[in-house]
Amino acid sequence: MTVPAQNRATLTTGSPNYCSGPAAILIAHRGIMFPNQPEITYNQTVTYSQYNLVHTNYTFNAYGGTPSPLLQLTAQFSQTTEEEHEYLLGVIHFLRSVTKMYYGKNEGANPRAGTPPPVLRFSAFGSIIFNNVPVVVGSFSMMFDNNVDLKTSSKTGQSLPTIQTITMDLLVQQTPKKQKEAFTLAGFISGGLYGGGFI
């Protein structure tokens, strides 16, 4: 059964600036539309402080807070055609770009100098599981396996593995204003907040 396009896993940006240079091929989706379904690990922790009463058999837990969830993605890309090669090259360049800030006087007259890496949007599976979730890339890594053949593009002259695995940690990044004004537990329990990127 075919997965509808709107349910495909995507990692996108509101700014087309990050889809330029080698990442220009990503402009149609303003970021990455994963060609293969990535393996996704959703990790939610809850903070409790333990305290003990003298001569008791059990420890008591005092609720401290619920930190933002962590999403860990393991995505596999294959490149056997020129288009797939360009796409993989674009994904690598995109991830390198969105993990850097605009920096100081080297930006010249650019008013964005000092701006941190962008908040991206992650979606997968439909309107409930991961729907337009605001995230920042906390880390990413690429394995260049020496047991995988390389393919050289006649267009770019670059060589890349025919199968490339990229892993990344996505940190959910809600704003204090949105959390204060838009989030209510009652609204979340009803399912009404999924459209706002809360998970």
N, C-alpha and C. Protein backbone atom coordinates (compact mmCIF):
# COMPACT_ATOMS: atom_id res chain seq x y z
N MET A 1 0.85 -1.19 0.00
CA MET A 1 0.00 0.00 0.00
C MET A 1 0.89 1.24 0.00
N THR A 2 0.59 2.19 -0.87
CA THR A 2 1.38 3.41 -1.01
C THR A 2 1.11 4.36 0.16
N VAL A 3 2.19 4.93 0.69
CA VAL A 3 2.06 5.91 1.78
C VAL A 3 1.78 7.28 1.16
N PRO A 4 0.71 7.97 1.59
CA PRO A 4 0.43 9.31 1.05
C PRO A 4 1.60 10.25 1.29
N ALA A 5 1.82 11.18 0.36
CA ALA A 5 2.95 12.10 0.45
C ALA A 5 2.95 12.87 1.76
N GLN A 6 1.75 13.25 2.24
CA GLN A 6 1.69 14.05 3.46
C GLN A 6 2.06 13.25 4.71
N ASN A 7 2.13 11.92 4.59
CA ASN A 7 2.52 11.09 5.72
C ASN A 7 3.98 10.65 5.67
N ARG A 8 4.69 11.04 4.61
CA ARG A 8 6.10 10.71 4.50
C ARG A 8 6.89 11.50 5.53
N ALA A 9 8.03 10.95 5.97
CA ALA A 9 8.88 11.64 6.93
C ALA A 9 9.61 12.80 6.24
N THR A 10 9.50 13.99 6.84
CA THR A 10 10.16 15.17 6.28
C THR A 10 10.83 15.96 7.39
N LEU A 11 11.89 16.66 7.03
CA LEU A 11 12.58 17.59 7.92
C LEU A 11 12.80 18.86 7.12
N THR A 12 12.02 19.90 7.43
CA THR A 12 11.98 21.07 6.56
C THR A 12 12.30 22.36 7.32
N THR A 13 12.58 23.39 6.55
CA THR A 13 12.88 24.70 7.10
C THR A 13 11.96 25.74 6.49
N GLY A 14 11.66 26.79 7.25
CA GLY A 14 10.85 27.88 6.72
C GLY A 14 11.64 28.82 5.84
N SER A 15 12.96 28.71 5.86
CA SER A 15 13.82 29.61 5.09
C SER A 15 14.44 28.87 3.91
N PRO A 16 14.21 29.36 2.69
CA PRO A 16 14.81 28.70 1.53
C PRO A 16 16.32 28.90 1.44
N ASN A 17 16.88 29.77 2.30
CA ASN A 17 18.33 30.03 2.26
C ASN A 17 19.14 28.76 2.46
N TYR A 18 18.60 27.81 3.25
CA TYR A 18 19.34 26.59 3.55
C TYR A 18 19.25 25.56 2.43
N CYS A 19 18.41 25.83 1.43
CA CYS A 19 18.28 24.93 0.28
C CYS A 19 18.94 25.58 -0.93
N SER A 20 20.21 25.87 -0.80
CA SER A 20 20.96 26.47 -1.90
C SER A 20 22.31 25.79 -1.99
N GLY A 21 23.08 26.15 -3.00
CA GLY A 21 24.35 25.47 -3.21
C GLY A 21 24.10 24.00 -3.49
N PRO A 22 24.90 23.11 -2.91
CA PRO A 22 24.68 21.67 -3.13
C PRO A 22 23.31 21.18 -2.66
N ALA A 23 22.63 21.95 -1.79
CA ALA A 23 21.31 21.54 -1.28
C ALA A 23 20.16 22.10 -2.11
N ALA A 24 20.45 22.69 -3.26
CA ALA A 24 19.39 23.30 -4.07
C ALA A 24 18.35 22.29 -4.51
N ILE A 25 18.74 21.03 -4.62
CA ILE A 25 17.80 19.98 -5.05
C ILE A 25 16.69 19.76 -4.01
N LEU A 26 16.89 20.26 -2.78
CA LEU A 26 15.89 20.06 -1.72
C LEU A 26 14.84 21.17 -1.70
N ILE A 27 14.93 22.15 -2.60
CA ILE A 27 14.06 23.32 -2.52
C ILE A 27 12.59 22.97 -2.70
N ALA A 28 12.27 21.93 -3.45
CA ALA A 28 10.86 21.58 -3.70
C ALA A 28 10.12 21.29 -2.41
N HIS A 29 10.80 20.71 -1.43
CA HIS A 29 10.16 20.40 -0.14
C HIS A 29 10.69 21.28 0.99
N ARG A 30 11.55 22.23 0.64
CA ARG A 30 12.21 23.11 1.62
C ARG A 30 12.93 22.30 2.69
N GLY A 31 13.58 21.26 2.26
CA GLY A 31 14.32 20.41 3.18
C GLY A 31 14.29 18.97 2.70
N ILE A 32 14.39 18.06 3.64
CA ILE A 32 14.53 16.64 3.31
C ILE A 32 13.17 15.96 3.33
N MET A 33 12.83 15.29 2.23
CA MET A 33 11.77 14.29 2.24
C MET A 33 12.49 12.96 2.13
N PHE A 34 12.47 12.19 3.21
CA PHE A 34 13.26 10.96 3.26
C PHE A 34 12.76 9.98 2.21
N PRO A 35 13.64 9.52 1.31
CA PRO A 35 13.21 8.60 0.26
C PRO A 35 12.81 7.23 0.81
N ASN A 36 13.42 6.83 1.91
CA ASN A 36 13.06 5.59 2.60
C ASN A 36 12.62 5.94 4.02
N GLN A 37 11.65 5.23 4.54
CA GLN A 37 11.18 5.50 5.89
C GLN A 37 12.33 5.33 6.89
N PRO A 38 12.71 6.40 7.61
CA PRO A 38 13.78 6.26 8.59
C PRO A 38 13.31 5.51 9.83
N GLU A 39 14.26 4.91 10.51
CA GLU A 39 13.96 4.30 11.81
C GLU A 39 13.91 5.43 12.82
N ILE A 40 12.82 5.56 13.55
CA ILE A 40 12.61 6.67 14.47
C ILE A 40 12.44 6.14 15.89
N THR A 41 13.24 6.66 16.81
CA THR A 41 13.09 6.34 18.23
C THR A 41 12.60 7.60 18.94
N TYR A 42 11.45 7.47 19.57
CA TYR A 42 10.86 8.58 20.33
C TYR A 42 11.14 8.34 21.80
N ASN A 43 11.82 9.29 22.44
CA ASN A 43 12.26 9.10 23.82
C ASN A 43 11.72 10.23 24.69
N GLN A 44 10.83 9.89 25.62
CA GLN A 44 10.28 10.87 26.56
C GLN A 44 10.70 10.50 27.97
N THR A 45 11.42 11.37 28.63
CA THR A 45 11.79 11.15 30.03
C THR A 45 10.94 12.05 30.92
N VAL A 46 10.85 11.67 32.19
CA VAL A 46 10.16 12.48 33.20
C VAL A 46 11.11 12.61 34.38
N THR A 47 11.25 13.82 34.89
CA THR A 47 12.19 14.08 35.98
C THR A 47 11.50 13.96 37.34
N TYR A 48 12.04 13.08 38.18
CA TYR A 48 11.57 12.94 39.55
C TYR A 48 12.77 13.03 40.49
N SER A 49 12.58 13.64 41.65
CA SER A 49 13.59 13.65 42.70
C SER A 49 13.16 12.65 43.77
N GLN A 50 14.09 11.81 44.18
CA GLN A 50 13.76 10.81 45.19
C GLN A 50 14.04 11.34 46.59
N TYR A 51 13.16 10.99 47.50
CA TYR A 51 13.42 11.31 48.90
C TYR A 51 12.99 10.11 49.75
N ASN A 52 13.65 9.96 50.88
CA ASN A 52 13.44 8.81 51.74
C ASN A 52 12.96 9.26 53.12
N LEU A 53 12.09 8.45 53.68
CA LEU A 53 11.71 8.63 55.07
C LEU A 53 12.40 7.54 55.89
N VAL A 54 12.80 7.90 57.10
CA VAL A 54 13.52 6.96 57.94
C VAL A 54 12.64 5.75 58.26
N HIS A 55 13.25 4.58 58.21
CA HIS A 55 12.59 3.32 58.55
C HIS A 55 11.36 3.06 57.67
N THR A 56 11.52 3.25 56.36
CA THR A 56 10.46 2.88 55.42
C THR A 56 11.03 1.95 54.36
N ASN A 57 10.18 1.21 53.73
CA ASN A 57 10.62 0.22 52.75
C ASN A 57 10.67 0.75 51.32
N TYR A 58 10.05 1.89 51.07
CA TYR A 58 9.97 2.38 49.70
C TYR A 58 10.45 3.83 49.61
N THR A 59 11.03 4.17 48.44
CA THR A 59 11.45 5.54 48.15
C THR A 59 10.27 6.28 47.53
N PHE A 60 10.16 7.55 47.85
CA PHE A 60 9.10 8.38 47.30
C PHE A 60 9.67 9.28 46.21
N ASN A 61 8.86 9.58 45.23
CA ASN A 61 9.31 10.36 44.08
C ASN A 61 8.51 11.65 43.96
N ALA A 62 9.23 12.77 43.90
CA ALA A 62 8.59 14.07 43.74
C ALA A 62 8.78 14.53 42.30
N TYR A 63 7.68 14.84 41.63
CA TYR A 63 7.72 15.25 40.22
C TYR A 63 8.48 16.57 40.07
N GLY A 64 9.40 16.59 39.13
CA GLY A 64 10.17 17.81 38.88
C GLY A 64 9.80 18.48 37.58
N GLY A 65 9.51 17.70 36.55
CA GLY A 65 9.16 18.28 35.24
C GLY A 65 9.23 17.23 34.16
N THR A 66 8.74 17.61 32.99
CA THR A 66 8.79 16.73 31.81
C THR A 66 9.60 17.43 30.73
N PRO A 67 10.85 17.03 30.54
CA PRO A 67 11.67 17.67 29.50
C PRO A 67 11.12 17.40 28.11
N SER A 68 11.59 18.19 27.15
CA SER A 68 11.18 17.97 25.76
C SER A 68 11.59 16.58 25.30
N PRO A 69 10.77 15.95 24.44
CA PRO A 69 11.14 14.64 23.92
C PRO A 69 12.37 14.71 23.02
N LEU A 70 13.01 13.59 22.85
CA LEU A 70 14.14 13.45 21.93
C LEU A 70 13.74 12.49 20.83
N LEU A 71 13.98 12.89 19.59
CA LEU A 71 13.72 12.03 18.44
C LEU A 71 15.06 11.62 17.84
N GLN A 72 15.29 10.33 17.70
CA GLN A 72 16.51 9.82 17.10
C GLN A 72 16.15 9.14 15.79
N LEU A 73 16.75 9.60 14.71
CA LEU A 73 16.47 9.07 13.38
C LEU A 73 17.68 8.35 12.82
N THR A 74 17.43 7.21 12.22
CA THR A 74 18.45 6.51 11.44
C THR A 74 17.88 6.36 10.03
N ALA A 75 18.47 7.08 9.10
CA ALA A 75 17.94 7.13 7.74
C ALA A 75 18.94 6.53 6.76
N GLN A 76 18.43 5.76 5.83
CA GLN A 76 19.29 5.15 4.82
C GLN A 76 18.99 5.75 3.45
N PHE A 77 20.06 6.11 2.75
CA PHE A 77 19.94 6.68 1.42
C PHE A 77 20.72 5.79 0.45
N SER A 78 20.15 5.56 -0.71
CA SER A 78 20.87 4.83 -1.75
C SER A 78 21.06 5.76 -2.92
N GLN A 79 22.16 5.57 -3.64
CA GLN A 79 22.38 6.42 -4.79
C GLN A 79 22.97 5.58 -5.92
N THR A 80 22.07 5.28 -6.85
CA THR A 80 22.48 4.53 -8.04
C THR A 80 22.28 5.36 -9.30
N THR A 81 21.53 6.47 -9.17
CA THR A 81 21.31 7.36 -10.32
C THR A 81 21.92 8.73 -10.01
N GLU A 82 22.05 9.56 -11.04
CA GLU A 82 22.58 10.91 -10.86
C GLU A 82 21.68 11.72 -9.92
N GLU A 83 20.36 11.57 -10.06
CA GLU A 83 19.43 12.32 -9.22
C GLU A 83 19.56 11.90 -7.75
N GLU A 84 19.68 10.61 -7.49
CA GLU A 84 19.85 10.13 -6.12
C GLU A 84 21.17 10.63 -5.54
N HIS A 85 22.21 10.66 -6.38
CA HIS A 85 23.51 11.17 -5.94
C HIS A 85 23.39 12.64 -5.53
N GLU A 86 22.75 13.45 -6.38
CA GLU A 86 22.58 14.87 -6.07
C GLU A 86 21.75 15.06 -4.80
N TYR A 87 20.75 14.20 -4.64
CA TYR A 87 19.88 14.32 -3.46
C TYR A 87 20.66 14.01 -2.18
N LEU A 88 21.46 12.94 -2.18
CA LEU A 88 22.26 12.60 -1.02
C LEU A 88 23.27 13.70 -0.71
N LEU A 89 23.91 14.23 -1.74
CA LEU A 89 24.85 15.33 -1.54
C LEU A 89 24.14 16.54 -0.94
N GLY A 90 22.90 16.79 -1.42
CA GLY A 90 22.12 17.90 -0.89
C GLY A 90 21.74 17.70 0.57
N VAL A 91 21.39 16.47 0.95
CA VAL A 91 21.04 16.16 2.34
C VAL A 91 22.23 16.40 3.26
N ILE A 92 23.40 15.94 2.84
CA ILE A 92 24.61 16.14 3.65
C ILE A 92 24.89 17.63 3.83
N HIS A 93 24.81 18.38 2.74
CA HIS A 93 25.08 19.83 2.82
C HIS A 93 24.03 20.54 3.68
N PHE A 94 22.76 20.13 3.55
CA PHE A 94 21.68 20.72 4.33
C PHE A 94 21.92 20.53 5.83
N LEU A 95 22.27 19.30 6.23
CA LEU A 95 22.51 19.02 7.65
C LEU A 95 23.73 19.77 8.17
N ARG A 96 24.75 19.90 7.36
CA ARG A 96 25.92 20.68 7.77
C ARG A 96 25.55 22.16 7.95
N SER A 97 24.66 22.65 7.08
CA SER A 97 24.28 24.07 7.13
C SER A 97 23.38 24.40 8.31
N VAL A 98 22.40 23.53 8.60
CA VAL A 98 21.42 23.84 9.65
C VAL A 98 21.96 23.57 11.05
N THR A 99 23.21 23.17 11.15
CA THR A 99 23.83 23.00 12.47
C THR A 99 24.87 24.10 12.73
N LYS A 100 24.83 25.15 11.92
CA LYS A 100 25.76 26.27 12.09
C LYS A 100 24.99 27.58 12.23
N MET A 101 25.65 28.58 12.86
CA MET A 101 25.05 29.89 13.05
C MET A 101 25.63 30.88 12.05
N TYR A 102 24.90 31.97 11.83
CA TYR A 102 25.47 33.11 11.12
C TYR A 102 26.47 33.77 12.06
N TYR A 103 27.68 34.03 11.56
CA TYR A 103 28.74 34.39 12.50
C TYR A 103 29.33 35.77 12.26
N GLY A 104 29.19 36.65 13.26
CA GLY A 104 29.91 37.90 13.43
C GLY A 104 30.20 38.74 12.19
N LYS A 105 31.33 39.40 12.22
CA LYS A 105 31.67 40.36 11.18
C LYS A 105 31.93 39.69 9.84
N ASN A 106 32.16 38.38 9.85
CA ASN A 106 32.37 37.68 8.59
C ASN A 106 31.12 37.65 7.73
N GLU A 107 29.95 37.99 8.31
CA GLU A 107 28.72 38.04 7.53
C GLU A 107 28.55 39.40 6.85
N GLY A 108 29.51 40.33 7.07
CA GLY A 108 29.43 41.65 6.44
C GLY A 108 28.24 42.43 6.95
N ALA A 109 27.43 42.94 6.01
CA ALA A 109 26.26 43.75 6.38
C ALA A 109 25.04 42.90 6.66
N ASN A 110 25.21 41.60 6.75
CA ASN A 110 24.09 40.69 6.95
C ASN A 110 23.47 40.90 8.33
N PRO A 111 22.20 41.33 8.41
CA PRO A 111 21.58 41.56 9.72
C PRO A 111 21.34 40.28 10.51
N ARG A 112 21.54 39.10 9.86
CA ARG A 112 21.33 37.84 10.57
C ARG A 112 22.54 37.42 11.39
N ALA A 113 23.63 38.17 11.31
CA ALA A 113 24.84 37.79 12.04
C ALA A 113 24.53 37.57 13.51
N GLY A 114 24.97 36.43 14.05
CA GLY A 114 24.69 36.07 15.43
C GLY A 114 23.46 35.19 15.60
N THR A 115 22.71 34.97 14.51
CA THR A 115 21.52 34.13 14.57
C THR A 115 21.92 32.66 14.73
N PRO A 116 21.33 31.94 15.68
CA PRO A 116 21.68 30.52 15.89
C PRO A 116 21.11 29.65 14.78
N PRO A 117 21.44 28.35 14.79
CA PRO A 117 20.87 27.44 13.79
C PRO A 117 19.34 27.48 13.81
N PRO A 118 18.72 27.18 12.67
CA PRO A 118 17.27 27.35 12.56
C PRO A 118 16.48 26.26 13.27
N VAL A 119 15.25 26.63 13.63
CA VAL A 119 14.28 25.65 14.12
C VAL A 119 13.62 25.04 12.88
N LEU A 120 13.69 23.72 12.76
CA LEU A 120 13.12 23.00 11.62
C LEU A 120 11.77 22.41 12.01
N ARG A 121 11.11 21.80 11.05
CA ARG A 121 9.84 21.13 11.29
C ARG A 121 9.95 19.67 10.87
N PHE A 122 9.59 18.78 11.80
CA PHE A 122 9.63 17.36 11.50
C PHE A 122 8.22 16.81 11.47
N SER A 123 7.91 16.04 10.43
CA SER A 123 6.60 15.41 10.31
C SER A 123 6.79 13.97 9.84
N ALA A 124 5.89 13.10 10.28
CA ALA A 124 5.89 11.70 9.82
C ALA A 124 4.60 11.03 10.26
N PHE A 125 4.09 10.16 9.44
CA PHE A 125 2.98 9.24 9.72
C PHE A 125 1.59 9.85 9.66
N GLY A 126 1.46 11.16 9.66
CA GLY A 126 0.12 11.74 9.61
C GLY A 126 -0.08 12.87 10.60
N SER A 127 -1.32 13.15 10.93
CA SER A 127 -1.66 14.35 11.71
C SER A 127 -1.54 14.18 13.22
N ILE A 128 -1.21 12.98 13.71
CA ILE A 128 -1.18 12.78 15.16
C ILE A 128 0.21 12.43 15.68
N ILE A 129 0.90 11.50 15.05
CA ILE A 129 2.15 11.01 15.63
C ILE A 129 3.23 12.09 15.66
N PHE A 130 3.63 12.60 14.51
CA PHE A 130 4.60 13.71 14.43
C PHE A 130 4.07 14.69 13.40
N ASN A 131 3.47 15.77 13.85
CA ASN A 131 2.82 16.70 12.95
C ASN A 131 3.42 18.09 13.10
N ASN A 132 4.34 18.43 12.16
CA ASN A 132 4.90 19.78 12.15
C ASN A 132 5.58 20.13 13.48
N VAL A 133 6.35 19.18 14.00
CA VAL A 133 6.99 19.35 15.31
C VAL A 133 8.22 20.24 15.17
N PRO A 134 8.32 21.34 15.95
CA PRO A 134 9.50 22.20 15.87
C PRO A 134 10.71 21.52 16.53
N VAL A 135 11.79 21.41 15.78
CA VAL A 135 12.98 20.71 16.28
C VAL A 135 14.24 21.45 15.86
N VAL A 136 15.31 21.21 16.60
CA VAL A 136 16.65 21.61 16.18
C VAL A 136 17.48 20.33 16.09
N VAL A 137 18.48 20.34 15.22
CA VAL A 137 19.36 19.19 15.06
C VAL A 137 20.41 19.25 16.16
N GLY A 138 20.32 18.33 17.12
CA GLY A 138 21.29 18.30 18.22
C GLY A 138 22.61 17.67 17.81
N SER A 139 22.54 16.71 16.91
CA SER A 139 23.75 16.07 16.38
C SER A 139 23.36 15.24 15.17
N PHE A 140 24.33 14.97 14.31
CA PHE A 140 24.11 14.01 13.24
C PHE A 140 25.44 13.36 12.91
N SER A 141 25.37 12.15 12.40
CA SER A 141 26.58 11.43 12.05
C SER A 141 26.34 10.61 10.79
N MET A 142 27.42 10.39 10.05
CA MET A 142 27.35 9.63 8.81
C MET A 142 28.42 8.55 8.86
N MET A 143 28.04 7.36 8.47
CA MET A 143 28.97 6.24 8.44
C MET A 143 29.39 6.00 6.99
N PHE A 144 30.68 6.18 6.72
CA PHE A 144 31.21 5.87 5.39
C PHE A 144 31.84 4.49 5.47
N ASP A 145 31.01 3.49 5.19
CA ASP A 145 31.40 2.09 5.36
C ASP A 145 32.39 1.69 4.27
N ASN A 146 33.53 1.10 4.69
CA ASN A 146 34.53 0.70 3.70
C ASN A 146 34.17 -0.57 2.96
N ASN A 147 33.06 -1.20 3.34
CA ASN A 147 32.59 -2.39 2.63
C ASN A 147 31.53 -2.08 1.59
N VAL A 148 31.22 -0.78 1.40
CA VAL A 148 30.20 -0.36 0.45
C VAL A 148 30.89 0.29 -0.75
N ASP A 149 30.46 -0.09 -1.93
CA ASP A 149 31.05 0.48 -3.15
C ASP A 149 30.78 1.97 -3.25
N LEU A 150 31.73 2.68 -3.88
CA LEU A 150 31.55 4.10 -4.16
C LEU A 150 31.03 4.27 -5.57
N LYS A 151 30.25 5.32 -5.76
CA LYS A 151 29.78 5.68 -7.10
C LYS A 151 30.16 7.13 -7.32
N THR A 152 30.78 7.40 -8.46
CA THR A 152 31.21 8.75 -8.80
C THR A 152 30.25 9.36 -9.78
N SER A 153 29.81 10.57 -9.49
CA SER A 153 28.87 11.27 -10.36
C SER A 153 29.63 11.90 -11.52
N SER A 154 29.12 11.69 -12.71
CA SER A 154 29.73 12.33 -13.89
C SER A 154 29.41 13.82 -13.93
N LYS A 155 28.36 14.21 -13.17
CA LYS A 155 27.94 15.62 -13.17
C LYS A 155 28.70 16.43 -12.13
N THR A 156 28.83 15.90 -10.91
CA THR A 156 29.49 16.66 -9.83
C THR A 156 30.95 16.27 -9.64
N GLY A 157 31.32 15.07 -10.09
CA GLY A 157 32.68 14.60 -9.88
C GLY A 157 32.93 14.07 -8.48
N GLN A 158 31.88 14.03 -7.65
CA GLN A 158 32.01 13.57 -6.27
C GLN A 158 31.76 12.07 -6.20
N SER A 159 32.42 11.41 -5.25
CA SER A 159 32.20 9.99 -5.01
C SER A 159 31.51 9.81 -3.66
N LEU A 160 30.45 9.01 -3.67
CA LEU A 160 29.71 8.73 -2.44
C LEU A 160 29.40 7.25 -2.38
N PRO A 161 29.21 6.70 -1.16
CA PRO A 161 28.81 5.29 -1.06
C PRO A 161 27.46 5.06 -1.73
N THR A 162 27.29 3.90 -2.32
CA THR A 162 26.01 3.59 -2.96
C THR A 162 24.89 3.45 -1.93
N ILE A 163 25.26 3.12 -0.69
CA ILE A 163 24.30 3.11 0.43
C ILE A 163 24.91 3.91 1.56
N GLN A 164 24.19 4.93 2.03
CA GLN A 164 24.69 5.83 3.07
C GLN A 164 23.70 5.88 4.22
N THR A 165 24.17 5.65 5.43
CA THR A 165 23.33 5.75 6.62
C THR A 165 23.66 7.02 7.37
N ILE A 166 22.64 7.79 7.69
CA ILE A 166 22.80 9.04 8.44
C ILE A 166 21.92 8.95 9.68
N THR A 167 22.50 9.20 10.83
CA THR A 167 21.73 9.23 12.07
C THR A 167 21.71 10.67 12.61
N MET A 168 20.62 11.02 13.27
CA MET A 168 20.53 12.38 13.83
C MET A 168 19.66 12.39 15.07
N ASP A 169 19.99 13.31 15.97
CA ASP A 169 19.18 13.57 17.15
C ASP A 169 18.44 14.88 16.93
N LEU A 170 17.12 14.83 17.03
CA LEU A 170 16.30 16.03 16.89
C LEU A 170 15.74 16.40 18.26
N LEU A 171 15.98 17.63 18.67
CA LEU A 171 15.53 18.13 19.97
C LEU A 171 14.29 18.98 19.76
N VAL A 172 13.19 18.63 20.42
CA VAL A 172 11.95 19.41 20.28
C VAL A 172 12.17 20.79 20.88
N GLN A 173 11.77 21.83 20.14
CA GLN A 173 12.10 23.22 20.52
C GLN A 173 10.85 24.10 20.47
N GLN A 174 10.00 24.00 21.48
CA GLN A 174 8.86 24.91 21.61
C GLN A 174 9.34 26.23 22.20
N THR A 175 8.66 27.32 21.89
CA THR A 175 9.02 28.61 22.47
C THR A 175 8.33 28.76 23.84
N PRO A 176 8.95 29.50 24.76
CA PRO A 176 8.29 29.74 26.07
C PRO A 176 6.90 30.36 25.91
N LYS A 177 6.76 31.31 24.96
CA LYS A 177 5.48 31.97 24.76
C LYS A 177 4.41 30.97 24.31
N LYS A 178 4.77 30.11 23.35
CA LYS A 178 3.79 29.15 22.85
C LYS A 178 3.43 28.14 23.93
N GLN A 179 4.42 27.71 24.70
CA GLN A 179 4.13 26.74 25.76
C GLN A 179 3.20 27.36 26.80
N LYS A 180 3.43 28.63 27.12
CA LYS A 180 2.62 29.29 28.15
C LYS A 180 1.21 29.59 27.66
N GLU A 181 1.09 30.04 26.41
CA GLU A 181 -0.21 30.53 25.94
C GLU A 181 -1.03 29.48 25.18
N ALA A 182 -0.36 28.48 24.59
CA ALA A 182 -1.09 27.53 23.75
C ALA A 182 -1.28 26.16 24.39
N PHE A 183 -0.35 25.79 25.30
CA PHE A 183 -0.43 24.43 25.84
C PHE A 183 -1.31 24.35 27.07
N THR A 184 -2.22 23.40 27.06
CA THR A 184 -2.95 23.00 28.27
C THR A 184 -2.99 21.47 28.24
N LEU A 185 -2.91 20.86 29.40
CA LEU A 185 -2.97 19.40 29.43
C LEU A 185 -4.32 18.91 28.95
N ALA A 186 -5.39 19.63 29.30
CA ALA A 186 -6.72 19.23 28.84
C ALA A 186 -6.79 19.25 27.31
N GLY A 187 -6.21 20.29 26.73
CA GLY A 187 -6.20 20.39 25.27
C GLY A 187 -5.37 19.29 24.64
N PHE A 188 -4.26 18.95 25.30
CA PHE A 188 -3.42 17.88 24.77
C PHE A 188 -4.12 16.53 24.85
N ILE A 189 -4.74 16.25 26.01
CA ILE A 189 -5.44 14.98 26.20
C ILE A 189 -6.55 14.80 25.17
N SER A 190 -7.19 15.90 24.81
CA SER A 190 -8.28 15.83 23.82
C SER A 190 -7.76 15.55 22.42
N GLY A 191 -6.45 15.71 22.21
CA GLY A 191 -5.86 15.51 20.89
C GLY A 191 -5.84 16.77 20.04
N GLY A 192 -6.31 17.87 20.62
CA GLY A 192 -6.44 19.10 19.83
C GLY A 192 -5.14 19.86 19.62
N LEU A 193 -4.07 19.48 20.29
CA LEU A 193 -2.82 20.25 20.17
C LEU A 193 -1.81 19.64 19.22
N TYR A 194 -2.14 18.51 18.61
CA TYR A 194 -1.18 17.89 17.69
C TYR A 194 -0.89 18.80 16.49
N GLY A 195 -1.89 19.55 16.06
CA GLY A 195 -1.67 20.45 14.93
C GLY A 195 -0.70 21.57 15.23
N GLY A 196 -0.47 21.85 16.52
CA GLY A 196 0.47 22.89 16.91
C GLY A 196 1.88 22.39 17.13
N GLY A 197 2.13 21.13 16.82
CA GLY A 197 3.48 20.60 16.94
C GLY A 197 3.82 20.05 18.30
N PHE A 198 2.84 19.97 19.22
CA PHE A 198 3.09 19.38 20.53
C PHE A 198 3.02 17.85 20.42
N ILE A 199 3.94 17.17 21.10
CA ILE A 199 3.90 15.69 21.14
C ILE A 199 4.15 15.23 22.56
